C-alpha cells in the first residue's frame, strides 16, 4: 500500500475538457440507440474526451516514482509501461463529443465548474492517495479520495449532470455503459493510473517485442 499523501489540488477552473488522441474523436458507429426527448439518439461506442484534475504535487509524484522504480526492479520491461509523471491525472468524467459540439461541451464544463466552486465555497480541493490497485493485472493505479470523502464524488456528480443536461453521453463509473437519460451517477471511486501495459504494447517496434509485452502482467 502507498503511504497516505495529501496535497491541495488545482481549483476546478484548472480542469480541462481533454481529447484522448488514441480514440476516434467522432465515431460514426452506434453501439445502441436511445429514445430521448429529442427523438432517437445514437449512443457512441466509446468515449472521445475526458475531464480531469492534473496531479501536480511533487509529494505524490515522488511516491508514484518510487512505486514505478520498484516495478522496474522486478522486471525492466515495466519501464515501457509507465505513465509520465507530468501526465498523472484523476479523471472525473468520460464523455463523447462531436467536432461541431465542442463549444457546447465547454459551456457544460463552465456551468459545472461554477457549481463546484460554489459547493466547495471557493476552497481548494484536498486529495489523498492512500493505496494502490490494478485492473486485470494490466493497469496499476493509485486510489484517490478527497478530504472529506464526499467532496470529490459531489464534483463528479455535478459534472455528470451538467454534461447530460447539455445532451452529452456520460460513461458510468464501471466504464462499461453509458448513463441513461435522467439516471443518477453511481458512487464514484476515483483513481489515477500510472502504469499501463497496453501503452507499451502499442509502442512496440517489433512483433517479438509486442508479444513479450503482451504477456506482461501485474501480480497481486
C-alpha atoms as a PDB file:
ATOM      1  CA  UNK A   1       0.000   0.000   0.000  1.00  0.00           C
ATOM      2  CA  UNK A   2       1.058   3.582  -0.631  1.00  0.00           C
ATOM      3  CA  UNK A   3       1.659   5.751   2.396  1.00  0.00           C
ATOM      4  CA  UNK A   4      -1.080   8.350   2.590  1.00  0.00           C
ATOM      5  CA  UNK A   5      -0.158  11.525   0.748  1.00  0.00           C
ATOM      6  CA  UNK A   6      -2.142  14.726   0.746  1.00  0.00           C
ATOM      7  CA  UNK A   7      -1.896  17.868  -1.333  1.00  0.00           C
ATOM      8  CA  UNK A   8      -4.124  20.767  -2.378  1.00  0.00           C
ATOM      9  CA  UNK A   9      -5.368  20.110  -5.900  1.00  0.00           C
ATOM     10  CA  UNK A  10      -5.830  22.813  -8.502  1.00  0.00           C
ATOM     11  CA  UNK A  11      -9.126  24.677  -8.348  1.00  0.00           C
ATOM     12  CA  UNK A  12     -11.903  23.469 -10.603  1.00  0.00           C
ATOM     13  CA  UNK A  13     -11.104  26.300 -13.024  1.00  0.00           C
ATOM     14  CA  UNK A  14      -7.906  24.434 -13.899  1.00  0.00           C
ATOM     15  CA  UNK A  15      -9.836  21.436 -15.210  1.00  0.00           C
ATOM     16  CA  UNK A  16      -9.828  20.914 -18.945  1.00  0.00           C
ATOM     17  CA  UNK A  17     -12.033  19.143 -21.457  1.00  0.00           C
ATOM     18  CA  UNK A  18      -9.279  16.955 -22.867  1.00  0.00           C
ATOM     19  CA  UNK A  19      -9.094  14.928 -26.071  1.00  0.00           C
ATOM     20  CA  UNK A  20      -7.637  11.426 -25.875  1.00  0.00           C
ATOM     21  CA  UNK A  21      -5.867  11.177 -29.230  1.00  0.00           C
ATOM     22  CA  UNK A  22      -5.752   7.388 -29.058  1.00  0.00           C
ATOM     23  CA  UNK A  23      -9.515   7.181 -29.582  1.00  0.00           C
ATOM     24  CA  UNK A  24     -11.599   8.263 -32.577  1.00  0.00           C
ATOM     25  CA  UNK A  25     -12.938  11.786 -31.987  1.00  0.00           C
ATOM     26  CA  UNK A  26     -16.275  11.217 -33.699  1.00  0.00           C
ATOM     27  CA  UNK A  27     -17.115   7.582 -34.366  1.00  0.00           C
ATOM     28  CA  UNK A  28     -19.921   7.021 -36.861  1.00  0.00           C
ATOM     29  CA  UNK A  29     -20.751   3.579 -35.500  1.00  0.00           C
ATOM     30  CA  UNK A  30     -23.542   3.327 -32.902  1.00  0.00           C
ATOM     31  CA  UNK A  31     -23.351   0.614 -30.266  1.00  0.00           C
ATOM     32  CA  UNK A  32     -27.018   1.216 -29.382  1.00  0.00           C
ATOM     33  CA  UNK A  33     -29.848   3.685 -29.885  1.00  0.00           C
ATOM     34  CA  UNK A  34     -31.637   5.566 -27.107  1.00  0.00           C
ATOM     35  CA  UNK A  35     -35.031   7.279 -27.207  1.00  0.00           C
ATOM     36  CA  UNK A  36     -34.673  10.721 -25.611  1.00  0.00           C
ATOM     37  CA  UNK A  37     -36.755  13.891 -25.504  1.00  0.00           C
ATOM     38  CA  UNK A  38     -35.225  14.956 -28.807  1.00  0.00           C
ATOM     39  CA  UNK A  39     -36.013  11.677 -30.553  1.00  0.00           C
ATOM     40  CA  UNK A  40     -33.885   8.664 -31.416  1.00  0.00           C
ATOM     41  CA  UNK A  41     -30.298   9.273 -30.341  1.00  0.00           C
ATOM     42  CA  UNK A  42     -27.168   7.382 -31.388  1.00  0.00           C
ATOM     43  CA  UNK A  43     -25.123   6.251 -28.380  1.00  0.00           C
ATOM     44  CA  UNK A  44     -21.359   6.224 -29.132  1.00  0.00           C
ATOM     45  CA  UNK A  45     -19.213   3.118 -28.949  1.00  0.00           C
ATOM     46  CA  UNK A  46     -16.522   4.685 -26.770  1.00  0.00           C
ATOM     47  CA  UNK A  47     -15.583   7.979 -25.082  1.00  0.00           C
ATOM     48  CA  UNK A  48     -13.614  10.594 -27.026  1.00  0.00           C
ATOM     49  CA  UNK A  49     -12.961  13.193 -24.290  1.00  0.00           C
ATOM     50  CA  UNK A  50     -12.484  13.350 -20.544  1.00  0.00           C
ATOM     51  CA  UNK A  51     -12.452  15.963 -17.784  1.00  0.00           C
ATOM     52  CA  UNK A  52      -9.624  15.558 -15.284  1.00  0.00           C
ATOM     53  CA  UNK A  53      -7.634  17.104 -12.447  1.00  0.00           C
ATOM     54  CA  UNK A  54      -3.891  17.121 -13.106  1.00  0.00           C
ATOM     55  CA  UNK A  55      -1.884  15.769 -10.156  1.00  0.00           C
ATOM     56  CA  UNK A  56       0.997  18.221  -9.904  1.00  0.00           C
ATOM     57  CA  UNK A  57       2.012  17.613  -6.291  1.00  0.00           C
ATOM     58  CA  UNK A  58       5.729  16.814  -6.005  1.00  0.00           C
ATOM     59  CA  UNK A  59       4.992  14.650  -2.998  1.00  0.00           C
ATOM     60  CA  UNK A  60       2.552  12.386  -4.794  1.00  0.00           C
ATOM     61  CA  UNK A  61       4.766  12.268  -7.892  1.00  0.00           C
ATOM     62  CA  UNK A  62       7.695  11.106  -5.736  1.00  0.00           C
ATOM     63  CA  UNK A  63       5.509   8.395  -4.215  1.00  0.00           C
ATOM     64  CA  UNK A  64       4.416   7.193  -7.661  1.00  0.00           C
ATOM     65  CA  UNK A  65       8.002   7.297  -8.935  1.00  0.00           C
ATOM     66  CA  UNK A  66       9.121   5.082  -6.038  1.00  0.00           C
ATOM     67  CA  UNK A  67       6.454   2.541  -6.972  1.00  0.00           C
ATOM     68  CA  UNK A  68       7.494   2.660 -10.611  1.00  0.00           C
ATOM     69  CA  UNK A  69      11.124   2.016  -9.639  1.00  0.00           C
ATOM     70  CA  UNK A  70      10.008  -0.990  -7.571  1.00  0.00           C
ATOM     71  CA  UNK A  71       8.372  -2.481 -10.673  1.00  0.00           C
ATOM     72  CA  UNK A  72      11.496  -1.869 -12.775  1.00  0.00           C
ATOM     73  CA  UNK A  73      13.486  -3.863 -10.219  1.00  0.00           C
ATOM     74  CA  UNK A  74      11.007  -6.726 -10.640  1.00  0.00           C
ATOM     75  CA  UNK A  75      11.020  -6.623 -14.447  1.00  0.00           C
ATOM     76  CA  UNK A  76      12.802  -3.963 -16.579  1.00  0.00           C
ATOM     77  CA  UNK A  77      10.057  -4.238 -19.231  1.00  0.00           C
ATOM     78  CA  UNK A  78       7.700  -2.361 -16.898  1.00  0.00           C
ATOM     79  CA  UNK A  79       9.628   0.841 -17.607  1.00  0.00           C
ATOM     80  CA  UNK A  80       7.978   0.955 -21.046  1.00  0.00           C
ATOM     81  CA  UNK A  81       4.522   0.914 -19.397  1.00  0.00           C
ATOM     82  CA  UNK A  82       4.852   3.968 -17.172  1.00  0.00           C
ATOM     83  CA  UNK A  83       2.581   6.980 -17.460  1.00  0.00           C
ATOM     84  CA  UNK A  84       4.914  10.042 -17.373  1.00  0.00           C
ATOM     85  CA  UNK A  85       4.717  11.795 -14.015  1.00  0.00           C
ATOM     86  CA  UNK A  86       3.817  15.115 -15.657  1.00  0.00           C
ATOM     87  CA  UNK A  87       0.745  13.417 -17.189  1.00  0.00           C
ATOM     88  CA  UNK A  88      -0.661  11.970 -13.952  1.00  0.00           C
ATOM     89  CA  UNK A  89      -4.323  12.896 -13.657  1.00  0.00           C
ATOM     90  CA  UNK A  90      -7.564  11.998 -11.966  1.00  0.00           C
ATOM     91  CA  UNK A  91     -10.439  11.575 -14.441  1.00  0.00           C
ATOM     92  CA  UNK A  92     -13.765  12.944 -13.204  1.00  0.00           C
ATOM     93  CA  UNK A  93     -15.859  12.347 -16.324  1.00  0.00           C
ATOM     94  CA  UNK A  94     -15.717  10.392 -19.603  1.00  0.00           C
ATOM     95  CA  UNK A  95     -17.889  11.541 -22.474  1.00  0.00           C
ATOM     96  CA  UNK A  96     -18.165  11.601 -26.270  1.00  0.00           C
ATOM     97  CA  UNK A  97     -18.120  14.948 -28.085  1.00  0.00           C
ATOM     98  CA  UNK A  98     -18.592  15.512 -31.819  1.00  0.00           C
ATOM     99  CA  UNK A  99     -16.368  18.108 -33.513  1.00  0.00           C
ATOM    100  CA  UNK A 100     -19.278  20.513 -34.020  1.00  0.00           C
ATOM    101  CA  UNK A 101     -20.287  20.436 -30.335  1.00  0.00           C
ATOM    102  CA  UNK A 102     -17.025  21.416 -28.651  1.00  0.00           C
ATOM    103  CA  UNK A 103     -18.370  24.865 -27.736  1.00  0.00           C
ATOM    104  CA  UNK A 104     -21.445  23.262 -26.133  1.00  0.00           C
ATOM    105  CA  UNK A 105     -19.129  20.986 -24.146  1.00  0.00           C
ATOM    106  CA  UNK A 106     -17.141  23.961 -22.850  1.00  0.00           C
ATOM    107  CA  UNK A 107     -20.400  25.612 -21.767  1.00  0.00           C
ATOM    108  CA  UNK A 108     -21.392  22.446 -19.888  1.00  0.00           C
ATOM    109  CA  UNK A 109     -17.953  22.395 -18.272  1.00  0.00           C
ATOM    110  CA  UNK A 110     -18.075  26.077 -17.302  1.00  0.00           C
ATOM    111  CA  UNK A 111     -21.503  25.672 -15.700  1.00  0.00           C
ATOM    112  CA  UNK A 112     -20.303  22.646 -13.732  1.00  0.00           C
ATOM    113  CA  UNK A 113     -17.139  24.484 -12.637  1.00  0.00           C
ATOM    114  CA  UNK A 114     -19.207  27.340 -11.206  1.00  0.00           C
ATOM    115  CA  UNK A 115     -21.448  24.920  -9.321  1.00  0.00           C
ATOM    116  CA  UNK A 116     -18.428  23.028  -7.981  1.00  0.00           C
ATOM    117  CA  UNK A 117     -16.756  26.240  -6.792  1.00  0.00           C
ATOM    118  CA  UNK A 118     -19.963  27.240  -5.012  1.00  0.00           C
ATOM    119  CA  UNK A 119     -20.207  23.785  -3.432  1.00  0.00           C
ATOM    120  CA  UNK A 120     -16.597  23.993  -2.235  1.00  0.00           C
ATOM    121  CA  UNK A 121     -17.120  27.609  -1.113  1.00  0.00           C
ATOM    122  CA  UNK A 122     -14.071  28.515  -3.255  1.00  0.00           C
ATOM    123  CA  UNK A 123     -11.785  26.435  -1.026  1.00  0.00           C
ATOM    124  CA  UNK A 124      -9.056  24.213  -2.608  1.00  0.00           C
ATOM    125  CA  UNK A 125      -9.953  20.557  -3.034  1.00  0.00           C
ATOM    126  CA  UNK A 126      -7.645  18.402  -0.914  1.00  0.00           C
ATOM    127  CA  UNK A 127      -6.937  14.911  -2.271  1.00  0.00           C
ATOM    128  CA  UNK A 128      -5.429  11.848  -0.574  1.00  0.00           C
ATOM    129  CA  UNK A 129      -3.701   8.937  -2.328  1.00  0.00           C
ATOM    130  CA  UNK A 130      -3.839   6.077   0.174  1.00  0.00           C
ATOM    131  CA  UNK A 131      -3.488   2.749  -1.671  1.00  0.00           C
ATOM    132  CA  UNK A 132      -2.690   1.063  -4.967  1.00  0.00           C
ATOM    133  CA  UNK A 133      -4.766  -1.303  -7.066  1.00  0.00           C
ATOM    134  CA  UNK A 134      -4.952  -2.756 -10.562  1.00  0.00           C
ATOM    135  CA  UNK A 135      -7.381  -3.605 -13.338  1.00  0.00           C
ATOM    136  CA  UNK A 136      -6.931  -7.156 -14.610  1.00  0.00           C
ATOM    137  CA  UNK A 137      -3.219  -7.062 -13.938  1.00  0.00           C
ATOM    138  CA  UNK A 138      -2.734  -4.696 -16.890  1.00  0.00           C
ATOM    139  CA  UNK A 139      -3.241  -1.247 -15.325  1.00  0.00           C
ATOM    140  CA  UNK A 140      -1.838  -0.093 -11.989  1.00  0.00           C
ATOM    141  CA  UNK A 141      -3.411   2.900 -10.271  1.00  0.00           C
ATOM    142  CA  UNK A 142      -3.424   4.943  -7.076  1.00  0.00           C
ATOM    143  CA  UNK A 143      -6.724   5.083  -5.217  1.00  0.00           C
ATOM    144  CA  UNK A 144      -7.650   8.708  -4.602  1.00  0.00           C
ATOM    145  CA  UNK A 145     -10.206  10.282  -2.292  1.00  0.00           C
ATOM    146  CA  UNK A 146     -10.957  13.780  -1.083  1.00  0.00           C
ATOM    147  CA  UNK A 147     -10.919  15.083   2.460  1.00  0.00           C
ATOM    148  CA  UNK A 148     -13.755  14.954   3.381  1.00  0.00           C
ATOM    149  CA  UNK A 149     -14.611  11.995   1.082  1.00  0.00           C
ATOM    150  CA  UNK A 150     -17.940  13.318  -0.244  1.00  0.00           C
ATOM    151  CA  UNK A 151     -16.402  16.384  -1.939  1.00  0.00           C
ATOM    152  CA  UNK A 152     -14.807  14.518  -4.855  1.00  0.00           C
ATOM    153  CA  UNK A 153     -17.950  12.487  -5.503  1.00  0.00           C
ATOM    154  CA  UNK A 154     -20.024  15.683  -5.458  1.00  0.00           C
ATOM    155  CA  UNK A 155     -17.716  17.252  -8.067  1.00  0.00           C
ATOM    156  CA  UNK A 156     -18.066  14.147 -10.231  1.00  0.00           C
ATOM    157  CA  UNK A 157     -21.871  14.167  -9.953  1.00  0.00           C
ATOM    158  CA  UNK A 158     -22.130  17.888 -10.760  1.00  0.00           C
ATOM    159  CA  UNK A 159     -20.030  17.387 -13.896  1.00  0.00           C
ATOM    160  CA  UNK A 160     -22.092  14.385 -14.996  1.00  0.00           C
ATOM    161  CA  UNK A 161     -25.399  16.200 -14.535  1.00  0.00           C
ATOM    162  CA  UNK A 162     -24.174  19.289 -16.389  1.00  0.00           C
ATOM    163  CA  UNK A 163     -22.932  17.352 -19.419  1.00  0.00           C
ATOM    164  CA  UNK A 164     -26.081  15.211 -19.545  1.00  0.00           C
ATOM    165  CA  UNK A 165     -28.230  18.342 -19.275  1.00  0.00           C
ATOM    166  CA  UNK A 166     -26.467  19.638 -22.395  1.00  0.00           C
ATOM    167  CA  UNK A 167     -27.146  16.401 -24.262  1.00  0.00           C
ATOM    168  CA  UNK A 168     -23.766  14.686 -23.910  1.00  0.00           C
ATOM    169  CA  UNK A 169     -23.474  10.971 -23.060  1.00  0.00           C
ATOM    170  CA  UNK A 170     -21.630  10.144 -19.834  1.00  0.00           C
ATOM    171  CA  UNK A 171     -19.896   6.847 -19.144  1.00  0.00           C
ATOM    172  CA  UNK A 172     -20.767   5.331 -15.773  1.00  0.00           C
ATOM    173  CA  UNK A 173     -18.157   4.594 -13.105  1.00  0.00           C
ATOM    174  CA  UNK A 174     -17.751   0.977 -14.274  1.00  0.00           C
ATOM    175  CA  UNK A 175     -16.565   2.209 -17.675  1.00  0.00           C
ATOM    176  CA  UNK A 176     -18.863  -0.338 -19.312  1.00  0.00           C
ATOM    177  CA  UNK A 177     -22.107   1.523 -20.051  1.00  0.00           C
ATOM    178  CA  UNK A 178     -23.498   4.986 -20.781  1.00  0.00           C
ATOM    179  CA  UNK A 179     -25.841   6.501 -18.220  1.00  0.00           C
ATOM    180  CA  UNK A 180     -29.457   6.529 -19.372  1.00  0.00           C
ATOM    181  CA  UNK A 181     -31.290   9.840 -19.649  1.00  0.00           C
ATOM    182  CA  UNK A 182     -32.214  11.014 -16.142  1.00  0.00           C
ATOM    183  CA  UNK A 183     -30.131   8.277 -14.493  1.00  0.00           C
ATOM    184  CA  UNK A 184     -28.154   9.363 -11.441  1.00  0.00           C
ATOM    185  CA  UNK A 185     -24.375   8.777 -11.465  1.00  0.00           C
ATOM    186  CA  UNK A 186     -23.224   5.814  -9.401  1.00  0.00           C
ATOM    187  CA  UNK A 187     -20.993   6.169  -6.326  1.00  0.00           C
ATOM    188  CA  UNK A 188     -17.638   7.435  -7.563  1.00  0.00           C
ATOM    189  CA  UNK A 189     -14.385   5.538  -6.952  1.00  0.00           C
ATOM    190  CA  UNK A 190     -11.515   7.791  -8.039  1.00  0.00           C
ATOM    191  CA  UNK A 191      -8.168   6.532  -9.260  1.00  0.00           C
ATOM    192  CA  UNK A 192      -5.075   7.776 -11.091  1.00  0.00           C
ATOM    193  CA  UNK A 193      -3.395   5.272 -13.431  1.00  0.00           C
ATOM    194  CA  UNK A 194       0.414   5.339 -13.550  1.00  0.00           C
ATOM    195  CA  UNK A 195       1.314   2.060 -15.281  1.00  0.00           C
ATOM    196  CA  UNK A 196      -0.414   0.679 -18.393  1.00  0.00           C
ATOM    197  CA  UNK A 197       0.797  -2.450 -20.163  1.00  0.00           C
ATOM    198  CA  UNK A 198      -1.342  -1.592 -23.203  1.00  0.00           C
ATOM    199  CA  UNK A 199       0.662   1.598 -23.800  1.00  0.00           C
ATOM    200  CA  UNK A 200       3.900  -0.385 -24.119  1.00  0.00           C
ATOM    201  CA  UNK A 201       2.263  -2.922 -26.466  1.00  0.00           C
ATOM    202  CA  UNK A 202       1.076  -0.112 -28.746  1.00  0.00           C
ATOM    203  CA  UNK A 203       4.569   1.426 -28.894  1.00  0.00           C
ATOM    204  CA  UNK A 204       6.389  -1.863 -29.531  1.00  0.00           C
ATOM    205  CA  UNK A 205       8.572  -1.715 -32.641  1.00  0.00           C
ATOM    206  CA  UNK A 206       8.766  -5.419 -33.474  1.00  0.00           C
ATOM    207  CA  UNK A 207       6.383  -8.381 -33.330  1.00  0.00           C
ATOM    208  CA  UNK A 208       8.631 -10.199 -30.859  1.00  0.00           C
ATOM    209  CA  UNK A 209       8.737  -7.178 -28.551  1.00  0.00           C
ATOM    210  CA  UNK A 210       4.975  -6.832 -28.830  1.00  0.00           C
ATOM    211  CA  UNK A 211       4.415 -10.487 -27.931  1.00  0.00           C
ATOM    212  CA  UNK A 212       6.799 -10.231 -24.972  1.00  0.00           C
ATOM    213  CA  UNK A 213       4.922  -7.242 -23.596  1.00  0.00           C
ATOM    214  CA  UNK A 214       1.505  -8.726 -24.317  1.00  0.00           C
ATOM    215  CA  UNK A 215       2.081 -11.382 -21.663  1.00  0.00           C
ATOM    216  CA  UNK A 216       3.469  -8.926 -19.116  1.00  0.00           C
ATOM    217  CA  UNK A 217       1.098  -8.820 -16.154  1.00  0.00           C
ATOM    218  CA  UNK A 218       0.997  -7.308 -12.682  1.00  0.00           C
ATOM    219  CA  UNK A 219       0.789  -9.712  -9.748  1.00  0.00           C
ATOM    220  CA  UNK A 220      -1.135  -9.200  -6.505  1.00  0.00           C
END
